[in-house]
């Protein structure tokens, strides 16, 4: 197969019809020029390439056939979606964006937020009516200034009751009013008799650009004379790696003997940050295999031939030369919910072969694949990106395996102590009486007590991170074998 970089000239000679539109930079550009980028990018790096016949290297016998194929899609989004393998069950996380500047800002920790981080569940007894509950509130935001607090319940937005059909559109607005309600579990562990009622109070919220520090809470607790470090960590954001290391330095200076890592609302992020965090928890496994990567067969073979070591992520003792503050623990307590995803799960899965991971809470999301950002350039990276548009791809490119090969946990990681959050008794984050933290502290002290009687799992419909594009990505920043990609896919 030969697809030349001057393919568009060939299209013009053949009289191919191009649809034109304005991109994010308001420059008129043919849809097929971006479609060409979409197909080539997916053909080069997509994890499930071999499962999609339209991505086969011999799919097109000549440029005319390729041109007809591209011309059959009116938008790059439609083409991209057609190239996804089993969207509902296998690849739930690949995306295309028309503004990679906004994507890059998100990866650096910047997004639009009103500060109210929430979960969504069905009202007991219903399969369509939904209510929201506040999990935590970000400081210096609209929600914080309006007095929103953990445990607040809302049943409607702008006076419209939340349902399975409308919640996404209602909660996607930059400005909206939450109509407050109340949740009553009737003091039982059963959910059938729980009641959600609507109230008369409302709170108006506004989203603004916000940089979230993922290190939400840190503390050192005394449990029977032993020091227990507590860290609520809400995102694997590389820009805050030095602050994460500083938090562990504080744990070291306080002679922490146990660690409770709270990942219950952490949707994931940087693979490298997860490795650094795990290396701070341990420290005795420097150089050992943290995780390995499995790319599509073509790229896997290239990596294996050129640099097999590049497929291995190893425990570290430094971050770009700065020594890590490592606790050398042989046990860690990790708290999760159904919102704990990707890099959060990677920490659990990758530590399991080495230390005792006491996993408390609810079953995690089930995301073991990582993505990269693919730009419209000769080597698919940011430098030299086509200035005519701002489209980029964020496709899944690899599966992560731990040191003993465990992967494909699409149904999530099941906790060793099942303890879903009780909306009627959420507790105060970081306080010893908060149910999930209390369970960890009880295990540490040996009492084994779990104060919450609410043990029945409840389906999570969604959460606030679903309204932040790409929040649940696990991504890497890795140099691809560019000379192979250029020669094989761009005929240069």
Protein backbone atom coordinates (compact mmCIF):
# COMPACT_ATOMS: atom_id res chain seq x y z
CA UNK A 1 0.00 0.00 0.00
CA UNK A 2 1.31 3.45 -0.92
CA UNK A 3 -0.40 6.56 0.42
CA UNK A 4 1.63 9.63 -0.46
CA UNK A 5 1.87 12.81 1.53
CA UNK A 6 0.70 14.70 -1.55
CA UNK A 7 -2.51 12.66 -1.59
CA UNK A 8 -4.63 15.79 -1.58
CA UNK A 9 -3.08 16.85 -4.89
CA UNK A 10 -4.03 13.49 -6.30
CA UNK A 11 -7.57 13.98 -5.01
CA UNK A 12 -7.77 17.31 -6.83
CA UNK A 13 -6.50 15.80 -10.06
CA UNK A 14 -9.12 13.03 -9.82
CA UNK A 15 -11.86 15.58 -9.19
CA UNK A 16 -12.72 14.33 -5.74
CA UNK A 17 -15.36 16.46 -4.01
CA UNK A 18 -14.32 17.86 -0.63
CA UNK A 19 -16.64 19.11 2.03
CA UNK A 20 -15.25 22.15 3.84
CA UNK A 21 -15.87 23.46 7.30
CA UNK A 22 -14.40 25.82 9.86
CA UNK A 23 -12.16 24.25 12.45
CA UNK A 24 -11.47 25.47 15.96
CA UNK A 25 -9.15 28.15 14.57
CA UNK A 26 -11.79 29.32 12.06
CA UNK A 27 -9.68 28.26 9.09
CA UNK A 28 -11.48 26.66 6.17
CA UNK A 29 -10.09 23.18 5.59
CA UNK A 30 -11.32 20.10 3.74
CA UNK A 31 -12.87 17.40 5.85
CA UNK A 32 -10.91 14.83 3.86
CA UNK A 33 -7.57 16.37 4.81
CA UNK A 34 -8.40 15.74 8.44
CA UNK A 35 -9.96 12.37 7.58
CA UNK A 36 -6.63 11.44 6.02
CA UNK A 37 -4.91 12.30 9.31
CA UNK A 38 -7.49 10.32 11.31
CA UNK A 39 -7.05 7.16 9.25
CA UNK A 40 -3.26 7.35 9.17
CA UNK A 41 -3.01 8.02 12.89
CA UNK A 42 -5.29 5.13 13.79
CA UNK A 43 -3.57 2.83 11.29
CA UNK A 44 -0.24 3.64 12.90
CA UNK A 45 -0.92 3.29 16.61
CA UNK A 46 -4.41 2.02 17.49
CA UNK A 47 -4.32 -0.82 19.99
CA UNK A 48 -7.15 -2.74 18.31
CA UNK A 49 -5.99 -2.18 14.73
CA UNK A 50 -5.99 -5.88 13.87
CA UNK A 51 -9.66 -6.10 14.92
CA UNK A 52 -10.73 -3.42 12.42
CA UNK A 53 -10.47 -4.54 8.75
CA UNK A 54 -10.73 -0.92 7.58
CA UNK A 55 -7.38 -0.25 9.29
CA UNK A 56 -5.51 -3.07 7.56
CA UNK A 57 -2.37 -2.03 5.70
CA UNK A 58 -3.70 -3.62 2.50
CA UNK A 59 -7.23 -2.21 2.88
CA UNK A 60 -6.89 0.00 -0.23
CA UNK A 61 -5.40 -1.09 -3.54
CA UNK A 62 -4.84 2.42 -4.86
CA UNK A 63 -5.16 6.08 -3.90
CA UNK A 64 -8.46 6.41 -5.73
CA UNK A 65 -10.06 3.73 -3.58
CA UNK A 66 -8.63 5.38 -0.48
CA UNK A 67 -9.95 8.76 -1.61
CA UNK A 68 -13.43 7.35 -2.11
CA UNK A 69 -13.33 5.87 1.36
CA UNK A 70 -12.35 9.15 2.99
CA UNK A 71 -14.90 11.04 0.94
CA UNK A 72 -17.68 8.82 2.28
CA UNK A 73 -17.34 10.47 5.73
CA UNK A 74 -18.64 14.00 6.12
CA UNK A 75 -16.80 14.62 9.39
CA UNK A 76 -13.59 13.36 11.03
CA UNK A 77 -15.63 12.41 14.09
CA UNK A 78 -17.77 10.01 12.07
CA UNK A 79 -14.72 8.33 10.56
CA UNK A 80 -13.00 8.07 13.92
CA UNK A 81 -16.04 6.49 15.52
CA UNK A 82 -16.29 3.94 12.71
CA UNK A 83 -12.71 2.89 13.41
CA UNK A 84 -13.35 2.19 17.10
CA UNK A 85 -13.48 -1.47 18.12
CA UNK A 86 -16.54 -2.42 20.18
CA UNK A 87 -17.22 1.00 21.70
CA UNK A 88 -19.60 -0.22 24.41
CA UNK A 89 -17.54 -3.07 25.79
CA UNK A 90 -13.86 -3.01 24.74
CA UNK A 91 -12.81 0.51 23.75
CA UNK A 92 -14.83 2.91 25.86
CA UNK A 93 -12.07 5.49 26.15
CA UNK A 94 -10.64 6.56 22.77
CA UNK A 95 -11.51 10.12 21.74
CA UNK A 96 -11.03 12.68 19.01
CA UNK A 97 -10.82 16.41 19.80
CA UNK A 98 -11.05 19.48 17.59
CA UNK A 99 -9.04 21.64 20.00
CA UNK A 100 -5.82 20.06 21.22
CA UNK A 101 -4.92 23.22 23.14
CA UNK A 102 -7.81 22.54 25.52
CA UNK A 103 -6.71 18.89 25.74
CA UNK A 104 -3.18 19.91 26.69
CA UNK A 105 -4.54 22.29 29.30
CA UNK A 106 -6.54 19.46 30.83
CA UNK A 107 -3.48 17.22 31.04
CA UNK A 108 -1.72 20.02 32.90
CA UNK A 109 -4.59 20.14 35.40
CA UNK A 110 -6.70 22.98 33.98
CA UNK A 111 -10.41 22.47 33.23
CA UNK A 112 -13.75 24.23 33.54
CA UNK A 113 -15.23 23.59 36.98
CA UNK A 114 -17.80 24.98 39.39
CA UNK A 115 -16.05 23.08 42.17
CA UNK A 116 -18.87 20.63 42.95
CA UNK A 117 -17.59 17.06 42.57
CA UNK A 118 -20.53 14.69 42.63
CA UNK A 119 -21.80 11.19 42.04
CA UNK A 120 -25.04 10.17 40.33
CA UNK A 121 -27.27 7.24 41.28
CA UNK A 122 -30.75 6.00 40.51
CA UNK A 123 -33.43 6.96 42.97
CA UNK A 124 -34.26 3.72 44.84
CA UNK A 125 -36.96 1.80 43.02
CA UNK A 126 -36.45 3.61 39.70
CA UNK A 127 -34.50 2.78 36.56
CA UNK A 128 -34.79 6.27 35.09
CA UNK A 129 -35.01 8.91 37.86
CA UNK A 130 -31.59 10.07 39.10
CA UNK A 131 -30.26 12.08 42.02
CA UNK A 132 -26.85 13.59 42.62
CA UNK A 133 -24.83 13.76 45.81
CA UNK A 134 -21.82 15.95 46.57
CA UNK A 135 -18.61 14.06 47.22
CA UNK A 136 -16.29 16.97 47.86
CA UNK A 137 -15.96 20.66 47.04
CA UNK A 138 -12.90 22.29 45.51
CA UNK A 139 -11.60 25.37 47.31
CA UNK A 140 -11.91 28.84 45.79
CA UNK A 141 -14.71 27.87 43.42
CA UNK A 142 -18.34 28.78 42.85
CA UNK A 143 -19.54 25.79 44.88
CA UNK A 144 -17.27 26.68 47.79
CA UNK A 145 -18.46 30.29 47.86
CA UNK A 146 -22.10 29.19 47.66
CA UNK A 147 -21.78 26.89 50.66
CA UNK A 148 -22.09 23.53 48.90
CA UNK A 149 -20.81 20.75 51.18
CA UNK A 150 -20.12 17.03 51.05
CA UNK A 151 -23.35 15.08 51.48
CA UNK A 152 -25.63 17.63 49.81
CA UNK A 153 -28.21 15.92 47.60
CA UNK A 154 -29.82 17.39 44.48
CA UNK A 155 -32.69 16.00 42.45
CA UNK A 156 -33.17 18.59 39.72
CA UNK A 157 -31.27 21.12 37.62
CA UNK A 158 -32.92 24.47 36.83
CA UNK A 159 -36.19 23.01 38.07
CA UNK A 160 -36.06 19.94 35.79
CA UNK A 161 -35.92 16.55 37.50
CA UNK A 162 -32.82 14.53 36.65
CA UNK A 163 -33.40 11.42 34.55
CA UNK A 164 -31.26 8.95 32.64
CA UNK A 165 -32.24 10.73 29.41
CA UNK A 166 -31.53 14.32 30.40
CA UNK A 167 -28.82 14.41 33.07
CA UNK A 168 -25.94 14.72 30.61
CA UNK A 169 -27.34 17.78 28.88
CA UNK A 170 -28.51 19.42 32.11
CA UNK A 171 -25.18 19.06 33.88
CA UNK A 172 -23.07 20.03 30.87
CA UNK A 173 -24.06 23.70 31.05
CA UNK A 174 -21.54 26.27 32.22
CA UNK A 175 -24.14 27.78 34.53
CA UNK A 176 -26.95 25.94 36.30
CA UNK A 177 -28.94 25.82 39.50
CA UNK A 178 -29.10 22.68 41.61
CA UNK A 179 -32.39 21.99 43.38
CA UNK A 180 -31.57 20.43 46.72
CA UNK A 181 -33.19 17.36 48.23
CA UNK A 182 -32.65 14.88 51.04
CA UNK A 183 -31.65 11.23 51.31
CA UNK A 184 -32.92 8.90 54.04
CA UNK A 185 -31.68 5.31 54.31
CA UNK A 186 -34.19 4.61 57.10
CA UNK A 187 -31.35 3.31 59.23
CA UNK A 188 -31.13 0.00 57.39
CA UNK A 189 -28.64 -1.70 55.07
CA UNK A 190 -31.42 -2.40 52.57
CA UNK A 191 -31.78 0.01 49.67
CA UNK A 192 -35.38 -0.74 48.70
CA UNK A 193 -36.75 1.35 51.56
CA UNK A 194 -34.42 4.31 51.00
CA UNK A 195 -36.12 7.60 50.18
CA UNK A 196 -34.98 10.62 48.17
CA UNK A 197 -37.14 13.70 48.54
CA UNK A 198 -37.07 17.06 46.77
CA UNK A 199 -36.73 20.27 48.72
CA UNK A 200 -37.35 23.96 48.17
CA UNK A 201 -33.76 25.24 48.38
CA UNK A 202 -31.58 25.84 45.33
CA UNK A 203 -28.01 26.96 44.64
CA UNK A 204 -26.73 28.59 41.44
CA UNK A 205 -23.28 27.52 40.23
CA UNK A 206 -20.88 28.81 37.56
CA UNK A 207 -18.00 27.02 35.88
CA UNK A 208 -14.68 28.81 35.47
CA UNK A 209 -11.16 27.73 34.43
CA UNK A 210 -9.68 25.94 37.40
CA UNK A 211 -6.43 24.15 38.18
CA UNK A 212 -7.12 21.32 40.59
CA UNK A 213 -4.38 20.25 42.95
CA UNK A 214 -4.85 16.45 43.07
CA UNK A 215 -3.38 16.32 46.59
CA UNK A 216 -6.69 17.08 48.27
CA UNK A 217 -5.98 15.98 51.85
CA UNK A 218 -2.97 14.77 53.80
CA UNK A 219 -2.73 13.98 57.47
CA UNK A 220 -0.92 11.85 60.01
CA UNK A 221 -3.17 9.97 62.43
CA UNK A 222 -2.25 8.21 65.67
CA UNK A 223 -3.63 4.66 65.81
CA UNK A 224 -2.70 2.79 68.97
CA UNK A 225 0.60 4.65 69.15
CA UNK A 226 1.51 4.11 65.50
CA UNK A 227 1.59 6.84 62.88
CA UNK A 228 -0.74 6.39 59.90
CA UNK A 229 -0.35 8.58 56.84
CA UNK A 230 -3.54 9.52 55.02
CA UNK A 231 -3.51 10.88 51.48
CA UNK A 232 -6.58 11.70 49.43
CA UNK A 233 -5.25 11.88 45.89
CA UNK A 234 -7.69 12.84 43.15
CA UNK A 235 -5.74 12.78 39.89
CA UNK A 236 -2.43 11.59 38.43
CA UNK A 237 -1.35 15.01 37.16
CA UNK A 238 2.34 15.20 36.29
CA UNK A 239 2.57 18.94 37.03
CA UNK A 240 2.08 18.13 40.72
CA UNK A 241 4.63 15.30 41.00
CA UNK A 242 7.01 17.44 43.06
CA UNK A 243 4.22 18.31 45.51
CA UNK A 244 3.34 14.63 45.76
CA UNK A 245 6.95 13.88 46.64
CA UNK A 246 6.83 16.66 49.25
CA UNK A 247 3.76 15.05 50.83
CA UNK A 248 5.67 11.78 51.18
CA UNK A 249 8.65 13.65 52.57
CA UNK A 250 6.32 14.90 55.30
CA UNK A 251 5.18 11.33 55.94
CA UNK A 252 8.81 10.28 56.29
CA UNK A 253 9.60 13.06 58.72
CA UNK A 254 6.61 11.97 60.81
CA UNK A 255 7.83 8.37 60.90
CA UNK A 256 4.69 7.04 59.17
CA UNK A 257 4.38 3.27 59.62
CA UNK A 258 1.17 2.74 57.67
CA UNK A 259 -0.44 4.48 54.69
CA UNK A 260 -4.06 4.89 53.67
CA UNK A 261 -4.19 6.01 50.04
CA UNK A 262 -7.62 7.39 49.17
CA UNK A 263 -8.27 6.99 45.43
CA UNK A 264 -12.05 6.77 45.67
CA UNK A 265 -12.65 9.75 43.32
CA UNK A 266 -9.46 9.49 41.27
CA UNK A 267 -10.21 8.94 37.54
CA UNK A 268 -6.56 8.38 36.59
CA UNK A 269 -4.02 10.22 34.46
CA UNK A 270 -0.29 9.89 33.89
CA UNK A 271 1.23 6.40 33.87
CA UNK A 272 4.58 7.84 34.97
CA UNK A 273 2.97 9.57 37.94
CA UNK A 274 1.41 6.28 39.02
CA UNK A 275 4.86 4.69 38.88
CA UNK A 276 6.33 7.50 40.98
CA UNK A 277 3.55 7.23 43.55
CA UNK A 278 4.01 3.47 43.82
CA UNK A 279 7.76 3.95 44.18
CA UNK A 280 7.13 6.41 47.03
CA UNK A 281 4.89 3.89 48.77
CA UNK A 282 7.58 1.22 48.50
CA UNK A 283 11.21 2.08 47.69
CA UNK A 284 12.63 -1.40 48.12
CA UNK A 285 11.91 -2.48 44.53
CA UNK A 286 13.92 0.04 42.52
CA UNK A 287 14.66 -1.40 39.09
CA UNK A 288 12.05 -4.14 39.37
CA UNK A 289 9.21 -4.38 36.84
CA UNK A 290 6.33 -2.08 37.74
CA UNK A 291 4.30 -2.72 34.58
CA UNK A 292 4.81 -3.79 30.99
CA UNK A 293 3.19 -2.53 27.81
CA UNK A 294 1.40 -4.43 25.06
CA UNK A 295 0.86 -2.40 21.86
CA UNK A 296 -0.76 -3.49 18.60
CA UNK A 297 1.18 -6.38 17.00
CA UNK A 298 3.05 -4.20 14.50
CA UNK A 299 4.28 -1.65 17.01
CA UNK A 300 4.96 -4.35 19.60
CA UNK A 301 7.27 -6.10 17.12
CA UNK A 302 9.05 -2.82 16.34
CA UNK A 303 9.62 -2.03 20.01
CA UNK A 304 10.77 -5.60 20.67
CA UNK A 305 13.29 -5.37 17.84
CA UNK A 306 14.58 -1.86 18.45
CA UNK A 307 14.38 -1.43 22.21
CA UNK A 308 12.56 -4.11 24.23
CA UNK A 309 13.44 -2.32 27.47
CA UNK A 310 11.17 0.55 26.38
CA UNK A 311 8.18 -1.76 26.92
CA UNK A 312 9.00 -2.06 30.63
CA UNK A 313 8.22 0.52 33.31
CA UNK A 314 10.39 -0.01 36.35
CA UNK A 315 10.14 1.18 39.94
CA UNK A 316 12.24 4.30 40.40
CA UNK A 317 14.13 6.04 43.19
CA UNK A 318 14.19 9.48 41.59
CA UNK A 319 12.17 11.82 39.41
CA UNK A 320 14.41 13.47 36.81
CA UNK A 321 17.27 13.38 39.30
CA UNK A 322 15.29 14.40 42.38
CA UNK A 323 15.32 11.65 45.00
CA UNK A 324 11.94 10.17 45.88
CA UNK A 325 10.75 10.16 49.48
CA UNK A 326 9.91 6.47 49.80
CA UNK A 327 8.25 4.80 52.79
CA UNK A 328 9.48 1.23 52.13
CA UNK A 329 6.12 -0.20 53.17
CA UNK A 330 5.17 -3.84 52.74
CA UNK A 331 1.44 -3.07 53.06
CA UNK A 332 -0.79 -0.25 51.83
CA UNK A 333 -4.49 0.47 52.31
CA UNK A 334 -6.24 1.76 49.18
CA UNK A 335 -9.78 3.16 49.20
CA UNK A 336 -11.85 3.04 45.99
CA UNK A 337 -15.29 3.51 44.48
CA UNK A 338 -16.67 2.81 41.02
CA UNK A 339 -15.08 6.12 39.98
CA UNK A 340 -11.53 4.91 40.65
CA UNK A 341 -10.11 4.33 37.18
CA UNK A 342 -7.09 3.81 34.93
CA UNK A 343 -3.91 4.98 36.70
CA UNK A 344 -5.61 4.38 40.07
CA UNK A 345 -6.22 0.79 39.07
CA UNK A 346 -2.69 0.57 37.69
CA UNK A 347 -1.31 1.35 41.16
CA UNK A 348 -3.37 -1.44 42.72
CA UNK A 349 -2.60 -3.96 40.00
CA UNK A 350 1.12 -3.18 39.82
CA UNK A 351 1.70 -3.19 43.59
CA UNK A 352 -0.18 -6.46 44.12
CA UNK A 353 2.72 -8.77 43.13
CA UNK A 354 5.06 -7.02 45.59
CA UNK A 355 3.23 -5.96 48.75
CA UNK A 356 0.00 -6.56 50.61
CA UNK A 357 -2.64 -4.27 49.07
CA UNK A 358 -5.66 -4.02 51.36
CA UNK A 359 -8.28 -2.78 48.93
CA UNK A 360 -11.34 -1.25 50.65
CA UNK A 361 -14.51 0.18 49.12
CA UNK A 362 -16.27 -0.66 45.86
CA UNK A 363 -15.22 -2.33 42.61
CA UNK A 364 -13.26 0.02 40.34
CA UNK A 365 -14.08 1.18 36.79
CA UNK A 366 -12.07 -1.39 34.83
CA UNK A 367 -9.67 0.54 32.58
CA UNK A 368 -6.35 -1.13 31.86
CA UNK A 369 -5.55 0.60 28.56
CA UNK A 370 -3.48 3.74 28.04
CA UNK A 371 -3.58 6.37 25.32
CA UNK A 372 -1.32 8.91 23.68
CA UNK A 373 -2.08 12.19 21.96
CA UNK A 374 -1.69 11.87 18.18
CA UNK A 375 -1.18 15.08 16.22
CA UNK A 376 -1.38 15.77 12.48
CA UNK A 377 2.37 15.86 11.89
CA UNK A 378 4.94 13.75 10.09
CA UNK A 379 5.83 11.88 13.29
CA UNK A 380 2.38 12.17 14.93
CA UNK A 381 3.78 14.33 17.72
CA UNK A 382 3.15 17.96 18.69
CA UNK A 383 6.14 19.49 16.93
CA UNK A 384 5.29 20.29 13.33
CA UNK A 385 1.55 19.82 13.79
CA UNK A 386 -0.55 20.99 10.83
CA UNK A 387 -1.34 24.67 11.50
CA UNK A 388 -4.55 24.52 9.44
CA UNK A 389 -6.56 22.78 12.15
CA UNK A 390 -6.48 21.82 15.84
CA UNK A 391 -7.73 18.23 15.62
CA UNK A 392 -5.92 15.54 17.61
CA UNK A 393 -6.60 11.91 18.47
CA UNK A 394 -6.45 10.31 21.90
CA UNK A 395 -6.67 6.62 20.97
CA UNK A 396 -5.96 3.64 23.17
CA UNK A 397 -2.53 2.37 22.17
CA UNK A 398 -1.48 -0.16 24.79
CA UNK A 399 -2.59 -2.48 27.55
CA UNK A 400 -0.81 -2.40 30.90
CA UNK A 401 0.21 -5.66 32.54
CA UNK A 402 1.65 -6.05 36.02
CA UNK A 403 4.83 -7.99 36.77
CA UNK A 404 2.99 -11.33 36.65
CA UNK A 405 0.97 -10.48 33.53
CA UNK A 406 -2.39 -9.53 35.00
CA UNK A 407 -4.47 -7.30 32.72
CA UNK A 408 -7.88 -7.17 30.99
CA UNK A 409 -9.78 -6.37 34.20
CA UNK A 410 -12.65 -4.80 32.26
CA UNK A 411 -15.09 -5.56 35.09
CA UNK A 412 -12.91 -3.64 37.53
CA UNK A 413 -10.78 -4.63 40.51
CA UNK A 414 -12.81 -6.14 43.35
CA UNK A 415 -11.97 -4.91 46.87
CA UNK A 416 -10.88 -7.29 49.60
CA UNK A 417 -13.20 -5.40 51.98
CA UNK A 418 -16.46 -4.48 50.25
CA UNK A 419 -17.74 -1.19 51.66
CA UNK A 420 -19.67 1.06 49.26
CA UNK A 421 -20.30 4.64 50.33
CA UNK A 422 -23.57 5.23 52.19
CA UNK A 423 -25.21 8.47 51.01
CA UNK A 424 -26.93 8.67 54.36
CA UNK A 425 -23.62 8.46 56.20
CA UNK A 426 -20.82 9.81 54.01
CA UNK A 427 -18.86 11.19 56.94
CA UNK A 428 -16.20 13.88 56.79
CA UNK A 429 -13.23 13.15 54.53
CA UNK A 430 -10.03 12.69 56.49
CA UNK A 431 -11.71 12.19 59.85
CA UNK A 432 -11.12 8.87 61.58
CA UNK A 433 -14.88 8.26 61.78
CA UNK A 434 -15.43 8.48 58.01
CA UNK A 435 -16.61 4.93 57.16
CA UNK A 436 -13.99 3.90 54.55
CA UNK A 437 -11.10 5.44 56.46
CA UNK A 438 -12.43 3.96 59.69
CA UNK A 439 -12.42 0.51 58.09
CA UNK A 440 -8.75 0.92 57.17
CA UNK A 441 -7.83 2.18 60.64
CA UNK A 442 -9.73 -0.70 62.24
CA UNK A 443 -7.76 -3.16 60.12
CA UNK A 444 -4.52 -1.48 61.16
CA UNK A 445 -5.41 -1.60 64.85
CA UNK A 446 -6.57 -5.19 64.56
CA UNK A 447 -10.09 -4.51 65.77
CA UNK A 448 -11.56 -5.48 62.40
CA UNK A 449 -14.64 -3.37 63.06
CA UNK A 450 -16.59 -1.81 60.19
CA UNK A 451 -18.97 0.75 61.62
CA UNK A 452 -21.12 1.18 58.52
CA UNK A 453 -23.92 -1.33 58.14
CA UNK A 454 -24.44 -0.24 54.53
CA UNK A 455 -22.82 -3.09 52.62
CA UNK A 456 -25.06 -3.47 49.59
CA UNK A 457 -23.46 -2.14 46.36
CA UNK A 458 -25.48 0.46 44.45
CA UNK A 459 -25.02 1.17 40.76
CA UNK A 460 -23.17 4.37 40.00
CA UNK A 461 -24.76 6.06 36.97
CA UNK A 462 -21.94 8.55 36.58
CA UNK A 463 -19.96 11.30 38.26
CA UNK A 464 -18.73 14.84 37.73
CA UNK A 465 -15.59 13.69 35.91
CA UNK A 466 -17.82 12.42 33.09
CA UNK A 467 -18.43 16.08 32.24
CA UNK A 468 -14.72 16.86 31.94
CA UNK A 469 -13.45 15.61 28.55
CA UNK A 470 -10.76 12.94 28.88
CA UNK A 471 -10.76 13.02 32.68
CA UNK A 472 -10.70 9.22 32.85
CA UNK A 473 -7.73 8.75 30.54
CA UNK A 474 -4.60 6.83 31.42
CA UNK A 475 -1.99 8.43 29.21
CA UNK A 476 1.68 8.23 28.47
CA UNK A 477 4.16 10.63 26.92
CA UNK A 478 6.39 8.30 24.97
CA UNK A 479 8.59 8.66 21.94
CA UNK A 480 7.23 6.51 19.14
CA UNK A 481 9.53 4.80 16.61
CA UNK A 482 9.05 7.79 14.32
CA UNK A 483 11.38 6.71 11.55
CA UNK A 484 9.36 3.51 11.16
CA UNK A 485 6.04 5.38 11.22
CA UNK A 486 7.23 7.89 8.64
CA UNK A 487 8.55 5.25 6.28
CA UNK A 488 5.73 2.77 6.67
CA UNK A 489 2.70 5.03 6.89
CA UNK A 490 3.70 8.24 5.14
CA UNK A 491 6.00 6.89 2.42
CA UNK A 492 8.84 9.29 3.21
